[in-house]
Amino acid sequence: MAAAALLRQHDSPTDEQINSFITNICRCGTYPRVRAAIHKAAAKMRAAQGSPDPQSPRDPHLGSGVEWKDTEQIYESAYARLERPADEFVKETGDARKLIEQAGDAVIEARYLTPLCEHAPMEPLNGTALVTDDRVEIWHPLAMASQALVIAQEETGVAPENIEFHLPLVGGSFGRRVGGDDVRMVLAVAKKFPGTPIHVIWSREETFRQGRYRDLQAARLVAALGADGLPKALIAHVAGHDPVTHGLDDGPYVNSCIPNARVETSNVPMHILTGQFRGPGYNSQCFIIESFIDECAVRAGIDPLEYRLRILSKWPDPGWQGCLREVAARAGWGRKLPPRHAQGLAVGNWGMSGGPREGTTAVAIATVEVTEAGDIVVHALDLAFDCGQILNADAVRAQLQGSMIFGLNVCLNEELNVENGRIVEGNFDRYPMLRIADMPRQINVHMGALTGHSRYGGTGEVAVGVVGPAVANAIFRATGKRIRTMPFRRANLRFIA
């Protein structure tokens, strides 16, 4: 909302103007990315010259929804977009395209896809507001209070000093309550009954079908392997609705560890509203890049742990190798396991912006069994991390355990489908969630990789990214079948003698 107010006053804002308006950035983003997004929005507004956007959710007509008949059509369109030249490049070092063209048989290529997902908090959207001519009082489980204050001013015209918020610490958000559309709706209804406290609650079906979902992302990765088996060139093309590449363009692979790298994106216009989802962009891109690095290790005939240690030996942040070694030792990497059991690993970082000693680095190892019937059983999740320093070990452990479970459900179960332009799933009968009986018997957080660096990185998002690829890589080692799309429950892993 602050960004909208800024653009109403300045159609070509400077960085200084952006900083003065956007005073409270969510920890799910960073100032450079927020500035870039506002500059991009300003450019689009100037180009439109006041003409209506046919994709806008405010458009009273059906818009592009009639174009998207079902889920498969959307997936096919995203994959097809990967086969055409990209709209723009995000990052480039060296000459990856030339080296890949010259690499011959040393080229490896794969496509991946992550679907739309609902946040599915236990508490459906709701809020209570009391609106009078000169005062507003709101009881609401907010994610961003400063944004909600701006919304309350816009909706009611009441001065900010006469607006009071009560923040109940219940319900869960996972990114859903960041946009403030729920606050706006509560206030819009309460204004119709001035002087009376009004409680507005969405049904579960309304919560599901009026979401701001996790973005659908498709990606095509191509790499050329050198004589040592390590990637010497990489091109990553990501397609989605305004695709977000956190976890890919800001990571060490494309910021020196692979000397020739190019990250590019293409837009696939959609009518479905998306938004923040625990670890935005990263929750998809970590699965994509860590699955691909594992495929490169298999092609090179090198152990996946050793492969990553070799690549990351060039990265001037000891936390990455420290996390790999710590979790490998704790989880017993390389030990003999029963048939159709295997371990997989993945490394990622949430909160960095392309440099060492930033954000929080984590490595997950998943110990997985795939039964003869094709069922996936995750017996253990082990995680080592480096956020620099910590203040409260119990709180950090709880954050990491919760995000490990969150990431496990995302990769195993979660997918929203579209039929006749509308979201199909409306409740948990069609949107499966992990139950207590489905939990890994061991969920272990290991503190031994903390470097003691001066930063205090966040711990609420990082595990969401690494669990999915760790499980997928374990499934491959157990069955020989590579999973490149979520959710994994849709994969045919049945054993045929």
Protein backbone atom coordinates (compact mmCIF):
# COMPACT_ATOMS: atom_id res chain seq x y z
CA MET A 1 0.00 0.00 0.00
CA ALA A 2 2.89 2.35 0.72
CA ALA A 3 4.26 1.60 -2.73
CA ALA A 4 0.89 2.43 -4.29
CA ALA A 5 0.80 5.73 -2.42
CA LEU A 6 4.33 6.49 -3.61
CA LEU A 7 3.46 5.83 -7.26
CA ARG A 8 0.39 8.03 -7.02
CA GLN A 9 2.69 10.92 -6.09
CA HIS A 10 5.74 10.08 -8.21
CA ASP A 11 5.45 8.27 -11.54
CA SER A 12 9.25 7.90 -11.74
CA PRO A 13 10.46 7.61 -8.12
CA THR A 14 14.11 7.80 -7.13
CA ASP A 15 15.73 5.34 -4.72
CA GLU A 16 15.69 8.05 -2.05
CA GLN A 17 11.92 8.55 -2.48
CA ILE A 18 11.35 4.79 -2.28
CA ASN A 19 13.37 4.59 0.95
CA SER A 20 11.36 7.41 2.50
CA PHE A 21 7.99 5.76 1.70
CA ILE A 22 8.85 2.08 2.29
CA THR A 23 9.98 2.23 5.89
CA ASN A 24 9.11 -1.28 7.05
CA ILE A 25 10.23 -4.05 4.72
CA CYS A 26 9.03 -7.59 5.43
CA ARG A 27 11.89 -9.94 6.31
CA CYS A 28 10.84 -12.01 3.27
CA GLY A 29 12.51 -9.44 1.02
CA THR A 30 15.42 -7.03 0.75
CA TYR A 31 15.67 -3.36 -0.16
CA PRO A 32 17.33 -3.90 -3.58
CA ARG A 33 14.57 -6.25 -4.69
CA VAL A 34 11.81 -4.00 -3.36
CA ARG A 35 13.31 -0.99 -5.11
CA ALA A 36 13.61 -2.95 -8.37
CA ALA A 37 9.97 -4.08 -8.16
CA ILE A 38 8.76 -0.50 -7.60
CA HIS A 39 10.85 0.81 -10.50
CA LYS A 40 9.39 -1.96 -12.70
CA ALA A 41 5.83 -1.11 -11.63
CA ALA A 42 6.44 2.56 -12.30
CA ALA A 43 7.70 1.79 -15.80
CA LYS A 44 4.63 -0.31 -16.54
CA MET A 45 2.34 2.44 -15.27
CA ARG A 46 4.07 5.04 -17.43
CA ALA A 47 3.86 2.76 -20.47
CA ALA A 48 0.17 2.13 -19.91
CA GLN A 49 -0.52 5.90 -19.78
CA GLY A 50 -3.63 5.33 -17.76
CA SER A 51 -5.13 2.55 -19.88
CA PRO A 52 -6.83 -0.32 -17.94
CA ASP A 53 -4.89 -3.54 -17.42
CA PRO A 54 -6.89 -6.48 -18.87
CA GLN A 55 -5.17 -8.80 -16.38
CA SER A 56 -6.11 -6.71 -13.35
CA PRO A 57 -8.17 -8.51 -10.66
CA ARG A 58 -10.26 -5.32 -10.40
CA ASP A 59 -11.52 -5.79 -13.96
CA PRO A 60 -15.27 -6.61 -13.67
CA HIS A 61 -15.16 -8.83 -16.75
CA LEU A 62 -13.98 -12.41 -16.89
CA GLY A 63 -10.60 -11.34 -18.28
CA SER A 64 -7.97 -13.96 -19.03
CA GLY A 65 -9.62 -16.55 -16.78
CA VAL A 66 -11.60 -17.86 -19.71
CA GLU A 67 -8.34 -18.62 -21.50
CA TRP A 68 -7.08 -21.05 -18.85
CA LYS A 69 -9.35 -24.08 -18.98
CA ASP A 70 -7.46 -26.48 -16.75
CA THR A 71 -4.24 -27.25 -14.92
CA GLU A 72 -2.64 -29.22 -17.75
CA GLN A 73 -3.09 -26.33 -20.16
CA ILE A 74 -1.31 -24.00 -17.72
CA TYR A 75 1.55 -26.46 -17.24
CA GLU A 76 1.92 -26.98 -20.98
CA SER A 77 2.00 -23.23 -21.55
CA ALA A 78 4.70 -22.75 -18.91
CA TYR A 79 6.83 -25.54 -20.40
CA ALA A 80 6.29 -24.20 -23.92
CA ARG A 81 7.47 -20.75 -22.83
CA LEU A 82 10.80 -22.27 -21.84
CA GLU A 83 11.44 -23.30 -25.44
CA ARG A 84 11.36 -19.72 -26.73
CA PRO A 85 13.89 -16.93 -26.09
CA ALA A 86 13.58 -15.43 -22.62
CA ASP A 87 12.03 -12.06 -21.92
CA GLU A 88 14.97 -10.80 -19.86
CA PHE A 89 18.11 -11.98 -18.13
CA VAL A 90 18.58 -11.55 -14.40
CA LYS A 91 22.27 -12.35 -14.07
CA GLU A 92 25.12 -13.27 -16.42
CA THR A 93 28.81 -14.03 -15.94
CA GLY A 94 31.15 -15.31 -18.64
CA ASP A 95 29.77 -16.86 -21.83
CA ALA A 96 27.66 -19.86 -20.81
CA ARG A 97 25.85 -20.12 -24.13
CA LYS A 98 29.05 -20.48 -26.16
CA LEU A 99 30.56 -23.10 -23.84
CA ILE A 100 27.37 -25.17 -23.84
CA GLU A 101 27.23 -25.09 -27.65
CA GLN A 102 30.80 -26.40 -27.75
CA ALA A 103 30.44 -29.05 -25.01
CA GLY A 104 28.92 -31.87 -27.10
CA ASP A 105 28.13 -34.94 -25.01
CA ALA A 106 29.13 -33.17 -21.79
CA VAL A 107 25.82 -31.26 -21.77
CA ILE A 108 23.06 -32.12 -19.33
CA GLU A 109 19.54 -30.67 -19.48
CA ALA A 110 16.35 -30.99 -17.41
CA ARG A 111 12.98 -29.31 -16.87
CA TYR A 112 11.23 -28.79 -13.54
CA LEU A 113 7.90 -27.45 -12.30
CA THR A 114 6.44 -26.38 -8.98
CA PRO A 115 2.66 -25.80 -8.79
CA LEU A 116 0.36 -23.24 -7.26
CA CYS A 117 -0.03 -23.83 -3.51
CA GLU A 118 -2.41 -22.53 -0.84
CA HIS A 119 -1.03 -21.32 2.48
CA ALA A 120 -3.63 -23.39 4.35
CA PRO A 121 -3.30 -21.79 7.82
CA MET A 122 -5.24 -23.55 10.54
CA GLU A 123 -7.29 -20.39 11.18
CA PRO A 124 -9.28 -19.22 8.14
CA LEU A 125 -9.07 -15.53 7.25
CA ASN A 126 -11.00 -13.32 9.69
CA GLY A 127 -10.91 -10.08 11.58
CA THR A 128 -12.97 -7.73 13.72
CA ALA A 129 -13.32 -3.96 13.35
CA LEU A 130 -15.17 -1.14 15.05
CA VAL A 131 -15.50 1.94 12.82
CA THR A 132 -16.89 5.35 13.83
CA ASP A 133 -16.62 8.77 12.24
CA ASP A 134 -13.38 9.61 14.02
CA ARG A 135 -11.97 6.33 15.34
CA VAL A 136 -11.09 2.80 14.16
CA GLU A 137 -10.32 -0.18 16.36
CA ILE A 138 -9.25 -3.47 14.78
CA TRP A 139 -8.64 -6.96 16.18
CA HIS A 140 -6.78 -8.82 13.44
CA PRO A 141 -3.94 -11.40 13.09
CA LEU A 142 -1.79 -9.11 10.97
CA ALA A 143 1.46 -9.90 9.20
CA MET A 144 2.50 -6.29 8.55
CA ALA A 145 1.01 -3.76 10.94
CA SER A 146 2.39 -0.66 9.19
CA GLN A 147 0.78 -1.73 5.92
CA ALA A 148 -2.52 -2.41 7.68
CA LEU A 149 -2.40 1.10 9.15
CA VAL A 150 -2.18 2.59 5.64
CA ILE A 151 -5.08 0.39 4.51
CA ALA A 152 -7.19 1.51 7.48
CA GLN A 153 -6.51 5.17 6.61
CA GLU A 154 -7.44 4.57 2.96
CA GLU A 155 -10.65 2.71 3.75
CA THR A 156 -12.00 4.95 6.51
CA GLY A 157 -10.36 8.36 6.16
CA VAL A 158 -9.57 8.32 9.89
CA ALA A 159 -6.27 9.88 11.03
CA PRO A 160 -3.58 7.33 11.97
CA GLU A 161 -3.39 8.53 15.59
CA ASN A 162 -7.04 7.48 15.99
CA ILE A 163 -6.53 3.96 14.64
CA GLU A 164 -5.82 1.22 17.18
CA PHE A 165 -4.74 -2.33 16.33
CA HIS A 166 -4.94 -5.38 18.56
CA LEU A 167 -2.73 -8.21 17.32
CA PRO A 168 -3.83 -11.70 18.45
CA LEU A 169 -0.91 -14.11 18.14
CA VAL A 170 -2.91 -16.94 16.58
CA GLY A 171 -3.81 -18.42 13.25
CA GLY A 172 -0.70 -18.60 11.11
CA SER A 173 0.15 -16.62 8.01
CA PHE A 174 3.03 -18.19 6.04
CA GLY A 175 2.80 -15.15 3.74
CA ARG A 176 -0.97 -15.12 3.19
CA ARG A 177 -1.67 -12.15 5.44
CA VAL A 178 1.13 -9.99 4.00
CA GLY A 179 -0.95 -8.33 1.26
CA GLY A 180 -3.58 -6.84 3.57
CA ASP A 181 -6.57 -7.67 1.34
CA ASP A 182 -8.21 -9.37 4.32
CA VAL A 183 -7.84 -6.22 6.44
CA ARG A 184 -9.40 -4.15 3.67
CA MET A 185 -12.39 -6.49 3.40
CA VAL A 186 -13.02 -6.47 7.17
CA LEU A 187 -12.98 -2.67 7.22
CA ALA A 188 -15.20 -2.41 4.14
CA VAL A 189 -17.85 -4.53 5.85
CA ALA A 190 -17.49 -2.83 9.25
CA LYS A 191 -18.03 0.61 7.66
CA LYS A 192 -21.57 -0.48 6.79
CA PHE A 193 -22.35 -0.78 10.52
CA PRO A 194 -20.78 2.28 12.18
CA GLY A 195 -20.42 2.10 15.92
CA THR A 196 -20.85 -1.68 16.07
CA PRO A 197 -17.95 -4.19 16.31
CA ILE A 198 -18.20 -6.46 13.27
CA HIS A 199 -16.50 -9.83 13.00
CA VAL A 200 -15.88 -11.00 9.42
CA ILE A 201 -14.85 -14.60 8.82
CA TRP A 202 -14.13 -16.42 5.60
CA SER A 203 -15.28 -20.01 5.27
CA ARG A 204 -12.55 -22.56 4.60
CA GLU A 205 -13.71 -22.74 0.99
CA GLU A 206 -13.55 -18.97 0.63
CA THR A 207 -10.10 -18.91 2.22
CA PHE A 208 -8.87 -21.52 -0.27
CA ARG A 209 -10.47 -20.01 -3.37
CA GLN A 210 -9.72 -16.36 -2.60
CA GLY A 211 -6.05 -16.97 -1.94
CA ARG A 212 -2.83 -15.22 -2.88
CA TYR A 213 -1.07 -18.43 -3.83
CA ARG A 214 2.49 -19.68 -4.16
CA ASP A 215 3.60 -18.91 -7.71
CA LEU A 216 3.73 -21.63 -10.33
CA GLN A 217 7.31 -21.84 -11.64
CA ALA A 218 8.69 -23.87 -14.54
CA ALA A 219 12.39 -24.01 -15.31
CA ARG A 220 14.76 -25.41 -17.93
CA LEU A 221 18.37 -25.84 -16.85
CA VAL A 222 21.26 -26.68 -19.16
CA ALA A 223 24.86 -27.22 -18.05
CA ALA A 224 28.18 -28.14 -19.59
CA LEU A 225 30.43 -30.32 -17.43
CA GLY A 226 34.18 -29.91 -17.48
CA ALA A 227 36.82 -32.64 -17.54
CA ASP A 228 36.60 -32.83 -13.73
CA GLY A 229 32.84 -33.45 -13.92
CA LEU A 230 31.96 -30.10 -12.36
CA PRO A 231 29.72 -27.62 -14.19
CA LYS A 232 31.70 -25.02 -16.11
CA ALA A 233 28.65 -23.36 -17.64
CA LEU A 234 24.98 -23.11 -16.67
CA ILE A 235 21.90 -21.52 -18.22
CA ALA A 236 18.70 -21.39 -16.16
CA HIS A 237 15.48 -20.19 -17.80
CA VAL A 238 12.56 -19.70 -15.40
CA ALA A 239 8.98 -19.12 -16.61
CA GLY A 240 5.98 -18.12 -14.53
CA HIS A 241 3.70 -15.21 -13.74
CA ASP A 242 6.29 -12.52 -12.86
CA PRO A 243 8.79 -15.25 -11.85
CA VAL A 244 10.84 -14.83 -8.69
CA THR A 245 14.37 -16.30 -8.72
CA HIS A 246 15.44 -16.00 -5.07
CA GLY A 247 17.51 -19.07 -4.26
CA LEU A 248 18.93 -19.19 -7.79
CA ASP A 249 20.25 -15.81 -8.92
CA ASP A 250 21.50 -14.90 -5.43
CA GLY A 251 23.26 -18.21 -4.65
CA PRO A 252 26.91 -19.22 -4.94
CA TYR A 253 26.51 -21.44 -8.01
CA VAL A 254 25.85 -18.47 -10.30
CA ASN A 255 27.94 -16.00 -8.31
CA SER A 256 31.41 -17.44 -9.02
CA CYS A 257 31.27 -21.18 -8.24
CA ILE A 258 30.15 -21.89 -11.81
CA PRO A 259 32.33 -19.48 -13.81
CA ASN A 260 29.94 -19.08 -16.75
CA ALA A 261 26.31 -18.70 -15.75
CA ARG A 262 23.17 -17.04 -17.05
CA VAL A 263 19.80 -16.75 -15.28
CA GLU A 264 16.90 -15.58 -17.44
CA THR A 265 13.15 -15.29 -16.98
CA SER A 266 9.96 -15.19 -19.02
CA ASN A 267 6.48 -14.11 -18.02
CA VAL A 268 3.45 -16.38 -18.42
CA PRO A 269 0.42 -14.08 -17.88
CA MET A 270 -2.22 -15.60 -15.63
CA HIS A 271 -5.44 -14.41 -14.02
CA ILE A 272 -4.78 -16.23 -10.75
CA LEU A 273 -3.59 -14.00 -7.90
CA THR A 274 -0.33 -14.99 -6.26
CA GLY A 275 1.67 -13.54 -3.40
CA GLN A 276 4.15 -14.23 -0.63
CA PHE A 277 4.62 -17.87 0.39
CA ARG A 278 7.06 -18.97 3.05
CA GLY A 279 10.43 -18.31 1.39
CA PRO A 280 9.07 -16.62 -1.78
CA GLY A 281 10.70 -17.88 -4.97
CA TYR A 282 13.31 -19.75 -2.93
CA ASN A 283 10.82 -22.50 -2.06
CA SER A 284 10.74 -23.36 -5.80
CA GLN A 285 14.20 -22.39 -6.99
CA CYS A 286 16.04 -24.37 -4.31
CA PHE A 287 14.19 -27.51 -5.41
CA ILE A 288 15.05 -26.77 -9.03
CA ILE A 289 18.76 -26.00 -8.67
CA GLU A 290 19.51 -28.65 -6.03
CA SER A 291 17.75 -31.35 -8.06
CA PHE A 292 19.78 -30.31 -11.10
CA ILE A 293 23.08 -30.26 -9.22
CA ASP A 294 22.27 -33.79 -8.07
CA GLU A 295 21.67 -34.82 -11.68
CA CYS A 296 25.04 -33.34 -12.61
CA ALA A 297 26.69 -35.34 -9.82
CA VAL A 298 25.11 -38.55 -11.09
CA ARG A 299 26.28 -37.81 -14.65
CA ALA A 300 29.79 -37.13 -13.36
CA GLY A 301 29.80 -40.29 -11.22
CA ILE A 302 30.65 -38.35 -8.06
CA ASP A 303 29.01 -38.73 -4.65
CA PRO A 304 26.42 -35.90 -4.24
CA LEU A 305 28.01 -34.69 -0.99
CA GLU A 306 31.52 -34.67 -2.42
CA TYR A 307 30.25 -33.00 -5.59
CA ARG A 308 28.82 -30.05 -3.68
CA LEU A 309 31.92 -29.77 -1.50
CA ARG A 310 34.06 -29.50 -4.63
CA ILE A 311 31.86 -26.85 -6.25
CA LEU A 312 31.54 -24.81 -3.05
CA SER A 313 35.27 -24.98 -2.30
CA LYS A 314 35.47 -21.82 -4.41
CA TRP A 315 32.93 -19.96 -2.24
CA PRO A 316 34.46 -17.68 0.45
CA ASP A 317 31.93 -18.55 3.13
CA PRO A 318 32.93 -21.50 5.34
CA GLY A 319 29.36 -21.95 6.53
CA TRP A 320 28.32 -23.76 3.35
CA GLN A 321 30.93 -26.50 3.60
CA GLY A 322 30.55 -26.54 7.36
CA CYS A 323 26.82 -27.29 7.09
CA LEU A 324 27.46 -30.04 4.54
CA ARG A 325 30.06 -31.75 6.72
CA GLU A 326 28.10 -31.34 9.95
CA VAL A 327 24.82 -32.82 8.71
CA ALA A 328 26.60 -35.59 6.80
CA ALA A 329 28.35 -36.69 9.99
CA ARG A 330 25.21 -36.43 12.12
CA ALA A 331 22.91 -38.24 9.68
CA GLY A 332 25.41 -40.99 8.86
CA TRP A 333 25.74 -40.14 5.18
CA GLY A 334 27.06 -43.10 3.21
CA ARG A 335 25.99 -45.80 5.67
CA LYS A 336 24.42 -49.01 4.35
CA LEU A 337 20.62 -48.91 4.23
CA PRO A 338 17.98 -51.58 3.50
CA PRO A 339 16.69 -52.06 -0.07
CA ARG A 340 14.56 -49.19 -1.41
CA HIS A 341 15.88 -46.93 1.36
CA ALA A 342 18.24 -44.06 0.58
CA GLN A 343 19.44 -40.65 1.68
CA GLY A 344 19.35 -37.44 -0.33
CA LEU A 345 20.70 -34.00 0.44
CA ALA A 346 20.32 -30.39 -0.61
CA VAL A 347 21.88 -27.05 0.36
CA GLY A 348 20.36 -23.58 0.17
CA ASN A 349 20.34 -20.11 1.65
CA TRP A 350 17.50 -17.74 2.44
CA GLY A 351 18.21 -14.04 2.82
CA MET A 352 21.45 -13.63 0.89
CA SER A 353 21.86 -11.17 -1.98
CA GLY A 354 24.71 -12.72 -3.93
CA GLY A 355 27.57 -12.48 -1.46
CA PRO A 356 29.14 -14.66 1.25
CA ARG A 357 28.23 -14.55 4.95
CA GLU A 358 24.68 -13.38 4.30
CA GLY A 359 21.29 -14.78 5.26
CA THR A 360 20.99 -18.31 6.63
CA THR A 361 22.55 -21.36 5.00
CA ALA A 362 21.08 -24.83 5.59
CA VAL A 363 21.69 -28.39 4.44
CA ALA A 364 19.04 -31.09 4.78
CA ILE A 365 19.49 -34.84 4.55
CA ALA A 366 16.34 -36.91 4.10
CA THR A 367 16.31 -40.63 4.88
CA VAL A 368 13.55 -42.08 2.74
CA GLU A 369 11.92 -45.41 1.96
CA VAL A 370 9.85 -46.07 -1.17
CA THR A 371 7.66 -49.13 -0.64
CA GLU A 372 6.87 -51.70 -3.30
CA ALA A 373 3.43 -50.09 -3.58
CA GLY A 374 5.13 -46.79 -4.42
CA ASP A 375 4.43 -45.01 -1.13
CA ILE A 376 7.00 -42.48 0.08
CA VAL A 377 7.97 -42.84 3.75
CA VAL A 378 10.32 -40.21 5.18
CA HIS A 379 11.95 -41.81 8.20
CA ALA A 380 14.25 -38.95 9.19
CA LEU A 381 15.08 -35.35 8.40
CA ASP A 382 18.42 -33.95 9.55
CA LEU A 383 19.37 -30.31 9.16
CA ALA A 384 22.48 -28.25 9.87
CA PHE A 385 22.46 -24.48 9.49
CA ASP A 386 24.51 -21.33 9.80
CA CYS A 387 22.76 -18.04 10.53
CA GLY A 388 25.90 -16.57 12.12
CA GLN A 389 24.75 -16.34 15.71
CA ILE A 390 21.60 -17.18 17.67
CA LEU A 391 19.95 -15.67 20.73
CA ASN A 392 17.46 -18.38 21.74
CA ALA A 393 18.33 -21.94 20.77
CA ASP A 394 14.88 -23.33 21.57
CA ALA A 395 13.13 -20.71 19.44
CA VAL A 396 15.52 -21.31 16.54
CA ARG A 397 15.05 -25.07 16.78
CA ALA A 398 11.26 -24.64 16.78
CA GLN A 399 11.40 -22.38 13.72
CA LEU A 400 13.56 -24.84 11.81
CA GLN A 401 11.53 -27.90 12.78
CA GLY A 402 8.31 -26.16 11.80
CA SER A 403 9.68 -25.07 8.44
CA MET A 404 11.05 -28.58 7.80
CA ILE A 405 7.55 -30.02 8.25
CA PHE A 406 6.07 -27.19 6.16
CA GLY A 407 8.53 -27.92 3.35
CA LEU A 408 7.87 -31.65 3.58
CA ASN A 409 4.13 -31.19 3.08
CA VAL A 410 4.71 -28.79 0.18
CA CYS A 411 6.86 -31.27 -1.72
CA LEU A 412 4.84 -34.41 -0.96
CA ASN A 413 1.25 -33.20 -1.12
CA GLU A 414 0.46 -29.66 -2.17
CA GLU A 415 -1.00 -28.64 -5.54
CA LEU A 416 -3.89 -26.39 -6.51
CA ASN A 417 -5.71 -27.31 -9.71
CA VAL A 418 -7.68 -25.15 -12.14
CA GLU A 419 -10.89 -26.13 -13.91
CA ASN A 420 -12.76 -23.72 -16.17
CA GLY A 421 -10.51 -20.94 -14.95
CA ARG A 422 -11.28 -21.49 -11.27
CA ILE A 423 -9.47 -23.10 -8.34
CA VAL A 424 -10.80 -26.61 -7.71
CA GLU A 425 -9.71 -27.35 -4.14
CA GLY A 426 -11.76 -25.77 -1.37
CA ASN A 427 -11.00 -27.80 1.74
CA PHE A 428 -8.67 -30.38 3.23
CA ASP A 429 -10.62 -33.31 1.79
CA ARG A 430 -9.01 -32.48 -1.57
CA TYR A 431 -5.86 -30.74 -0.35
CA PRO A 432 -4.00 -33.31 1.76
CA MET A 433 -1.88 -32.28 4.72
CA LEU A 434 0.56 -34.35 6.74
CA ARG A 435 -1.01 -35.94 9.82
CA ILE A 436 0.81 -36.90 13.00
CA ALA A 437 1.17 -40.48 11.77
CA ASP A 438 2.89 -39.18 8.61
CA MET A 439 5.63 -37.34 10.47
CA PRO A 440 9.23 -38.56 10.23
CA ARG A 441 10.17 -40.40 13.38
CA GLN A 442 13.26 -38.20 13.64
CA ILE A 443 13.39 -34.46 12.92
CA ASN A 444 16.87 -33.40 13.97
CA VAL A 445 18.31 -29.88 14.04
CA HIS A 446 22.08 -29.76 14.48
CA MET A 447 23.78 -26.63 15.84
CA GLY A 448 27.39 -27.60 15.14
CA ALA A 449 27.82 -25.63 11.90
CA LEU A 450 27.23 -22.17 13.36
CA THR A 451 30.21 -20.01 12.42
CA GLY A 452 29.70 -17.26 15.00
CA HIS A 453 29.66 -14.59 12.30
CA SER A 454 28.22 -11.27 13.49
CA ARG A 455 24.89 -11.60 11.64
CA TYR A 456 21.65 -13.00 13.07
CA GLY A 457 19.99 -14.59 10.03
CA GLY A 458 16.35 -15.59 9.98
CA THR A 459 15.39 -19.23 10.53
CA GLY A 460 11.71 -19.36 9.55
CA GLU A 461 12.10 -19.93 5.80
CA VAL A 462 15.40 -21.60 4.99
CA ALA A 463 14.37 -25.22 5.69
CA VAL A 464 11.31 -24.95 3.43
CA GLY A 465 13.61 -24.83 0.40
CA VAL A 466 16.05 -27.64 1.17
CA VAL A 467 13.69 -30.39 2.35
CA GLY A 468 11.96 -30.90 -1.01
CA PRO A 469 15.09 -31.50 -3.11
CA ALA A 470 16.63 -33.64 -0.36
CA VAL A 471 13.58 -35.94 -0.46
CA ALA A 472 13.52 -35.98 -4.28
CA ASN A 473 17.22 -36.83 -4.44
CA ALA A 474 16.71 -39.63 -1.91
CA ILE A 475 13.84 -41.04 -3.98
CA PHE A 476 16.12 -41.16 -7.01
CA ARG A 477 18.84 -43.00 -5.09
CA ALA A 478 16.26 -45.48 -3.77
CA THR A 479 14.42 -46.15 -7.04
CA GLY A 480 16.41 -44.75 -9.95
CA LYS A 481 13.42 -42.54 -10.82
CA ARG A 482 14.00 -38.80 -10.98
CA ILE A 483 11.12 -36.58 -9.82
CA ARG A 484 11.17 -33.13 -11.40
CA THR A 485 7.70 -31.85 -10.46
CA MET A 486 5.83 -31.35 -7.22
CA PRO A 487 3.88 -32.84 -5.50
CA PHE A 488 5.76 -36.12 -5.28
CA ARG A 489 2.62 -38.09 -4.35
CA ARG A 490 1.61 -37.95 -8.01
CA ALA A 491 4.73 -39.80 -9.17
CA ASN A 492 4.41 -43.48 -10.13
CA LEU A 493 7.02 -45.15 -7.93
CA ARG A 494 5.44 -48.59 -7.80
CA PHE A 495 7.97 -51.40 -7.88
CA ILE A 496 7.62 -53.85 -10.80
CA ALA A 497 9.58 -57.08 -10.44
